[in-house]
Amino acid sequence: MAEIAAGVGCNIPASAVIYGSDGILSVQNPWLPSTPSRTAKRALPLDTKFPSSYLTLQKQGESSATEIEVEADRDLFSYEADMVGEHIEARQAPAMPWNDSLGNMTLLDAWLAEVGVVYE
């Protein structure tokens, strides 16, 4: 079972919470590590510091949660582009099958068509 809320141009908090039989995993900002890139007006210097992301894991039956730091040295989409580049000869990156990417694009195109967005 899942509950998802998403919006464009509205003030829905960016977070993800996964409830499981063994505990709860919370991600307060699932879009990191792209924060510096999101507001950049020009290319960022190569030595740009990217903030860490944090996951909180609360295991069933434990009184305190564990905070897990996820460090980043570049923008989120750079990781994706590097993964594709490293596996382009094999015609398939292991992280996400091409059919999943095409499915996402098909869904987004249908969503844009439904709300009347047309690119000319």
N, C-alpha and C. Protein backbone atom coordinates (compact mmCIF):
# COMPACT_ATOMS: atom_id res chain seq x y z
N MET A 1 0.86 -1.16 0.00
CA MET A 1 0.00 0.00 0.00
C MET A 1 0.91 1.23 0.00
N ALA A 2 0.52 2.25 -0.73
CA ALA A 2 1.31 3.47 -0.79
C ALA A 2 0.39 4.68 -0.84
N GLU A 3 0.88 5.78 -0.32
CA GLU A 3 0.19 7.06 -0.43
C GLU A 3 1.20 8.04 -0.98
N ILE A 4 0.84 8.70 -2.06
CA ILE A 4 1.76 9.63 -2.71
C ILE A 4 1.05 10.96 -2.91
N ALA A 5 1.74 12.04 -2.59
CA ALA A 5 1.24 13.39 -2.86
C ALA A 5 2.34 14.12 -3.62
N ALA A 6 1.99 14.72 -4.73
CA ALA A 6 2.97 15.45 -5.52
C ALA A 6 2.33 16.69 -6.11
N GLY A 7 3.11 17.68 -6.38
CA GLY A 7 2.57 18.88 -6.97
C GLY A 7 3.66 19.70 -7.62
N VAL A 8 3.25 20.50 -8.58
CA VAL A 8 4.16 21.42 -9.24
C VAL A 8 3.65 22.81 -8.92
N GLY A 9 4.51 23.64 -8.38
CA GLY A 9 4.12 24.99 -8.07
C GLY A 9 3.27 25.13 -6.82
N CYS A 10 3.30 24.16 -5.94
CA CYS A 10 2.59 24.27 -4.66
C CYS A 10 3.54 23.89 -3.54
N ASN A 11 3.14 24.15 -2.34
CA ASN A 11 4.05 24.03 -1.20
C ASN A 11 3.90 22.70 -0.47
N ILE A 12 4.07 21.59 -1.18
CA ILE A 12 4.05 20.28 -0.54
C ILE A 12 5.46 19.97 -0.05
N PRO A 13 5.63 19.57 1.19
CA PRO A 13 6.99 19.27 1.68
C PRO A 13 7.66 18.16 0.86
N ALA A 14 8.94 18.33 0.62
CA ALA A 14 9.72 17.31 -0.09
C ALA A 14 10.24 16.31 0.93
N SER A 15 9.57 15.19 1.05
CA SER A 15 10.01 14.15 1.99
C SER A 15 9.45 12.82 1.55
N ALA A 16 10.04 11.76 2.06
CA ALA A 16 9.55 10.41 1.81
C ALA A 16 9.64 9.64 3.11
N VAL A 17 8.58 8.93 3.44
CA VAL A 17 8.56 8.10 4.64
C VAL A 17 8.09 6.71 4.21
N ILE A 18 8.88 5.71 4.54
CA ILE A 18 8.55 4.33 4.19
C ILE A 18 8.32 3.57 5.50
N TYR A 19 7.12 3.04 5.63
CA TYR A 19 6.76 2.27 6.82
C TYR A 19 6.84 0.79 6.47
N GLY A 20 7.59 0.05 7.25
CA GLY A 20 7.71 -1.38 7.02
C GLY A 20 7.50 -2.17 8.30
N SER A 21 7.47 -3.47 8.18
CA SER A 21 7.23 -4.31 9.35
C SER A 21 8.39 -4.26 10.34
N ASP A 22 9.59 -3.87 9.87
CA ASP A 22 10.74 -3.81 10.77
C ASP A 22 11.08 -2.40 11.25
N GLY A 23 10.35 -1.38 10.73
CA GLY A 23 10.64 -0.03 11.16
C GLY A 23 10.20 1.01 10.16
N ILE A 24 10.72 2.24 10.33
CA ILE A 24 10.35 3.39 9.51
C ILE A 24 11.63 4.04 8.99
N LEU A 25 11.66 4.31 7.69
CA LEU A 25 12.78 5.00 7.06
C LEU A 25 12.26 6.34 6.57
N SER A 26 12.89 7.44 7.00
CA SER A 26 12.47 8.79 6.62
C SER A 26 13.59 9.47 5.85
N VAL A 27 13.21 10.14 4.77
CA VAL A 27 14.14 10.94 3.98
C VAL A 27 13.55 12.33 3.91
N GLN A 28 14.19 13.29 4.56
CA GLN A 28 13.61 14.64 4.63
C GLN A 28 13.72 15.41 3.33
N ASN A 29 14.72 15.15 2.52
CA ASN A 29 14.83 15.83 1.23
C ASN A 29 15.35 14.83 0.21
N PRO A 30 14.46 14.08 -0.43
CA PRO A 30 14.91 13.03 -1.34
C PRO A 30 15.55 13.54 -2.63
N TRP A 31 15.51 14.85 -2.88
CA TRP A 31 16.06 15.39 -4.13
C TRP A 31 17.51 15.80 -3.99
N LEU A 32 18.05 15.80 -2.79
CA LEU A 32 19.47 16.08 -2.65
C LEU A 32 20.24 14.94 -3.29
N PRO A 33 21.41 15.14 -3.82
CA PRO A 33 22.32 16.25 -3.58
C PRO A 33 22.31 17.34 -4.64
N SER A 34 21.17 17.72 -5.17
CA SER A 34 21.16 18.70 -6.25
C SER A 34 20.92 20.13 -5.80
N THR A 35 20.88 20.41 -4.51
CA THR A 35 20.51 21.73 -4.03
C THR A 35 21.30 22.88 -4.65
N PRO A 36 22.63 22.88 -4.68
CA PRO A 36 23.33 24.04 -5.27
C PRO A 36 23.00 24.21 -6.76
N SER A 37 22.77 23.13 -7.46
CA SER A 37 22.48 23.22 -8.89
C SER A 37 21.09 23.77 -9.16
N ARG A 38 20.18 23.50 -8.27
CA ARG A 38 18.78 23.88 -8.49
C ARG A 38 18.60 25.38 -8.63
N THR A 39 19.39 26.17 -7.94
CA THR A 39 19.22 27.63 -7.97
C THR A 39 20.36 28.34 -8.70
N ALA A 40 21.28 27.58 -9.29
CA ALA A 40 22.43 28.18 -9.97
C ALA A 40 22.01 28.93 -11.23
N LYS A 41 22.59 30.08 -11.44
CA LYS A 41 22.33 30.87 -12.64
C LYS A 41 23.37 30.61 -13.73
N ARG A 42 24.49 30.00 -13.34
CA ARG A 42 25.55 29.64 -14.30
C ARG A 42 26.25 28.39 -13.79
N ALA A 43 27.12 27.85 -14.58
CA ALA A 43 27.83 26.62 -14.22
C ALA A 43 28.53 26.79 -12.87
N LEU A 44 28.44 25.75 -12.04
CA LEU A 44 29.06 25.78 -10.73
C LEU A 44 30.55 25.44 -10.84
N PRO A 45 31.37 26.03 -9.98
CA PRO A 45 32.79 25.66 -9.97
C PRO A 45 32.96 24.18 -9.63
N LEU A 46 34.03 23.58 -10.12
CA LEU A 46 34.26 22.16 -9.88
C LEU A 46 34.43 21.82 -8.40
N ASP A 47 34.84 22.80 -7.59
CA ASP A 47 35.05 22.53 -6.17
C ASP A 47 33.81 22.88 -5.32
N THR A 48 32.65 22.99 -5.94
CA THR A 48 31.42 23.28 -5.21
C THR A 48 31.16 22.19 -4.17
N LYS A 49 30.84 22.59 -2.97
CA LYS A 49 30.51 21.64 -1.90
C LYS A 49 29.01 21.35 -1.96
N PHE A 50 28.68 20.08 -1.98
CA PHE A 50 27.28 19.66 -1.98
C PHE A 50 26.92 19.18 -0.58
N PRO A 51 25.75 19.58 -0.09
CA PRO A 51 25.36 19.16 1.26
C PRO A 51 25.04 17.67 1.30
N SER A 52 25.28 17.06 2.42
CA SER A 52 24.92 15.66 2.61
C SER A 52 23.41 15.52 2.73
N SER A 53 22.92 14.35 2.37
CA SER A 53 21.52 13.99 2.62
C SER A 53 21.52 13.11 3.87
N TYR A 54 20.40 13.09 4.56
CA TYR A 54 20.29 12.27 5.76
C TYR A 54 19.03 11.43 5.72
N LEU A 55 19.18 10.17 6.05
CA LEU A 55 18.07 9.26 6.21
C LEU A 55 17.95 8.96 7.70
N THR A 56 16.74 8.79 8.18
CA THR A 56 16.53 8.42 9.57
C THR A 56 15.86 7.05 9.61
N LEU A 57 16.48 6.13 10.29
CA LEU A 57 15.94 4.78 10.41
C LEU A 57 15.53 4.53 11.85
N GLN A 58 14.25 4.30 12.04
CA GLN A 58 13.71 3.95 13.37
C GLN A 58 13.29 2.50 13.32
N LYS A 59 14.11 1.62 13.92
CA LYS A 59 13.80 0.19 13.92
C LYS A 59 12.75 -0.14 14.96
N GLN A 60 11.90 -1.07 14.60
CA GLN A 60 10.84 -1.55 15.50
C GLN A 60 11.46 -2.01 16.82
N GLY A 61 10.94 -1.55 17.92
CA GLY A 61 11.39 -2.00 19.24
C GLY A 61 12.62 -1.27 19.77
N GLU A 62 13.20 -0.35 19.01
CA GLU A 62 14.36 0.41 19.49
C GLU A 62 13.91 1.81 19.87
N SER A 63 14.45 2.33 20.97
CA SER A 63 14.00 3.63 21.47
C SER A 63 14.60 4.81 20.71
N SER A 64 15.76 4.64 20.12
CA SER A 64 16.37 5.77 19.40
C SER A 64 16.57 5.42 17.92
N ALA A 65 16.49 6.46 17.11
CA ALA A 65 16.65 6.30 15.66
C ALA A 65 18.12 6.41 15.28
N THR A 66 18.45 5.86 14.12
CA THR A 66 19.80 5.95 13.58
C THR A 66 19.77 6.93 12.42
N GLU A 67 20.68 7.89 12.41
CA GLU A 67 20.78 8.83 11.30
C GLU A 67 21.88 8.34 10.36
N ILE A 68 21.55 8.25 9.09
CA ILE A 68 22.48 7.75 8.08
C ILE A 68 22.82 8.90 7.15
N GLU A 69 24.10 9.26 7.07
CA GLU A 69 24.54 10.35 6.20
C GLU A 69 24.89 9.80 4.82
N VAL A 70 24.40 10.48 3.79
CA VAL A 70 24.72 10.13 2.41
C VAL A 70 25.47 11.32 1.82
N GLU A 71 26.77 11.15 1.63
CA GLU A 71 27.60 12.24 1.11
C GLU A 71 27.51 12.30 -0.41
N ALA A 72 27.68 13.49 -0.95
CA ALA A 72 27.65 13.70 -2.39
C ALA A 72 28.79 14.62 -2.79
N ASP A 73 29.38 14.35 -3.95
CA ASP A 73 30.44 15.21 -4.44
C ASP A 73 30.06 15.92 -5.74
N ARG A 74 28.81 15.71 -6.19
CA ARG A 74 28.33 16.38 -7.39
C ARG A 74 26.80 16.32 -7.44
N ASP A 75 26.25 16.93 -8.44
CA ASP A 75 24.80 17.00 -8.61
C ASP A 75 24.19 15.63 -8.83
N LEU A 76 22.96 15.47 -8.39
CA LEU A 76 22.23 14.21 -8.53
C LEU A 76 22.23 13.70 -9.96
N PHE A 77 21.93 14.58 -10.92
CA PHE A 77 21.83 14.14 -12.30
C PHE A 77 23.19 13.79 -12.91
N SER A 78 24.27 14.29 -12.32
CA SER A 78 25.61 13.91 -12.76
C SER A 78 25.86 12.43 -12.50
N TYR A 79 25.37 11.93 -11.36
CA TYR A 79 25.50 10.50 -11.06
C TYR A 79 24.78 9.67 -12.12
N GLU A 80 23.59 10.12 -12.51
CA GLU A 80 22.82 9.38 -13.51
C GLU A 80 23.52 9.39 -14.86
N ALA A 81 24.01 10.56 -15.28
CA ALA A 81 24.70 10.67 -16.56
C ALA A 81 25.98 9.83 -16.56
N ASP A 82 26.71 9.86 -15.46
CA ASP A 82 27.94 9.05 -15.37
C ASP A 82 27.62 7.56 -15.45
N MET A 83 26.54 7.12 -14.82
CA MET A 83 26.14 5.71 -14.86
C MET A 83 25.85 5.28 -16.31
N VAL A 84 25.09 6.11 -17.02
CA VAL A 84 24.79 5.79 -18.42
C VAL A 84 26.07 5.76 -19.23
N GLY A 85 26.93 6.76 -19.07
CA GLY A 85 28.18 6.81 -19.82
C GLY A 85 29.08 5.60 -19.58
N GLU A 86 29.11 5.13 -18.34
CA GLU A 86 29.95 3.98 -18.00
C GLU A 86 29.42 2.67 -18.59
N HIS A 87 28.14 2.63 -18.95
CA HIS A 87 27.54 1.38 -19.43
C HIS A 87 26.93 1.50 -20.83
N ILE A 88 27.29 2.56 -21.56
CA ILE A 88 26.66 2.80 -22.87
C ILE A 88 26.99 1.68 -23.86
N GLU A 89 28.20 1.14 -23.80
CA GLU A 89 28.57 0.05 -24.72
C GLU A 89 27.71 -1.19 -24.48
N ALA A 90 27.39 -1.45 -23.24
CA ALA A 90 26.57 -2.62 -22.91
C ALA A 90 25.10 -2.37 -23.25
N ARG A 91 24.78 -1.12 -23.60
CA ARG A 91 23.41 -0.73 -23.95
C ARG A 91 22.43 -0.91 -22.80
N GLN A 92 22.96 -0.97 -21.56
CA GLN A 92 22.08 -1.08 -20.40
C GLN A 92 22.85 -0.77 -19.13
N ALA A 93 22.41 0.25 -18.41
CA ALA A 93 22.99 0.55 -17.11
C ALA A 93 22.29 -0.33 -16.07
N PRO A 94 23.02 -0.85 -15.09
CA PRO A 94 22.40 -1.75 -14.12
C PRO A 94 21.45 -1.05 -13.15
N ALA A 95 21.58 0.25 -12.98
CA ALA A 95 20.78 0.95 -11.98
C ALA A 95 19.31 1.10 -12.37
N MET A 96 19.02 1.24 -13.66
CA MET A 96 17.63 1.41 -14.10
C MET A 96 17.52 0.97 -15.55
N PRO A 97 16.69 -0.03 -15.82
CA PRO A 97 16.52 -0.50 -17.21
C PRO A 97 15.97 0.60 -18.11
N TRP A 98 16.39 0.58 -19.37
CA TRP A 98 15.93 1.59 -20.33
C TRP A 98 14.40 1.61 -20.39
N ASN A 99 13.75 0.45 -20.31
CA ASN A 99 12.30 0.40 -20.39
C ASN A 99 11.64 1.17 -19.23
N ASP A 100 12.29 1.19 -18.05
CA ASP A 100 11.77 1.98 -16.94
C ASP A 100 11.86 3.47 -17.27
N SER A 101 12.99 3.88 -17.85
CA SER A 101 13.16 5.29 -18.24
C SER A 101 12.12 5.68 -19.29
N LEU A 102 11.93 4.83 -20.29
CA LEU A 102 10.93 5.11 -21.32
C LEU A 102 9.52 5.16 -20.73
N GLY A 103 9.24 4.27 -19.78
CA GLY A 103 7.95 4.29 -19.11
C GLY A 103 7.72 5.59 -18.35
N ASN A 104 8.76 6.08 -17.67
CA ASN A 104 8.65 7.35 -16.96
C ASN A 104 8.37 8.49 -17.94
N MET A 105 9.08 8.51 -19.06
CA MET A 105 8.87 9.57 -20.06
C MET A 105 7.46 9.50 -20.64
N THR A 106 6.97 8.30 -20.90
CA THR A 106 5.62 8.12 -21.44
C THR A 106 4.58 8.65 -20.44
N LEU A 107 4.77 8.32 -19.17
CA LEU A 107 3.85 8.79 -18.13
C LEU A 107 3.89 10.32 -18.02
N LEU A 108 5.09 10.89 -18.02
CA LEU A 108 5.20 12.35 -17.93
C LEU A 108 4.58 13.03 -19.14
N ASP A 109 4.77 12.47 -20.35
CA ASP A 109 4.15 13.04 -21.55
C ASP A 109 2.63 13.00 -21.45
N ALA A 110 2.08 11.90 -20.94
CA ALA A 110 0.63 11.78 -20.78
C ALA A 110 0.12 12.80 -19.76
N TRP A 111 0.86 12.98 -18.68
CA TRP A 111 0.48 13.94 -17.65
C TRP A 111 0.48 15.35 -18.23
N LEU A 112 1.54 15.71 -18.97
CA LEU A 112 1.62 17.05 -19.57
C LEU A 112 0.47 17.26 -20.56
N ALA A 113 0.15 16.25 -21.35
CA ALA A 113 -0.96 16.36 -22.31
C ALA A 113 -2.29 16.57 -21.58
N GLU A 114 -2.48 15.86 -20.46
CA GLU A 114 -3.72 15.96 -19.71
C GLU A 114 -3.94 17.36 -19.12
N VAL A 115 -2.84 18.01 -18.72
CA VAL A 115 -2.99 19.35 -18.15
C VAL A 115 -2.83 20.45 -19.20
N GLY A 116 -2.66 20.04 -20.47
CA GLY A 116 -2.65 21.00 -21.57
C GLY A 116 -1.32 21.65 -21.89
N VAL A 117 -0.22 21.08 -21.44
CA VAL A 117 1.09 21.65 -21.75
C VAL A 117 1.50 21.18 -23.15
N VAL A 118 1.83 22.16 -24.00
CA VAL A 118 2.27 21.87 -25.36
C VAL A 118 3.56 22.61 -25.63
N TYR A 119 4.57 21.90 -26.10
CA TYR A 119 5.85 22.52 -26.45
C TYR A 119 5.88 22.70 -27.96
N GLU A 120 6.22 23.88 -28.39
CA GLU A 120 6.27 24.15 -29.85
C GLU A 120 7.67 24.48 -30.28
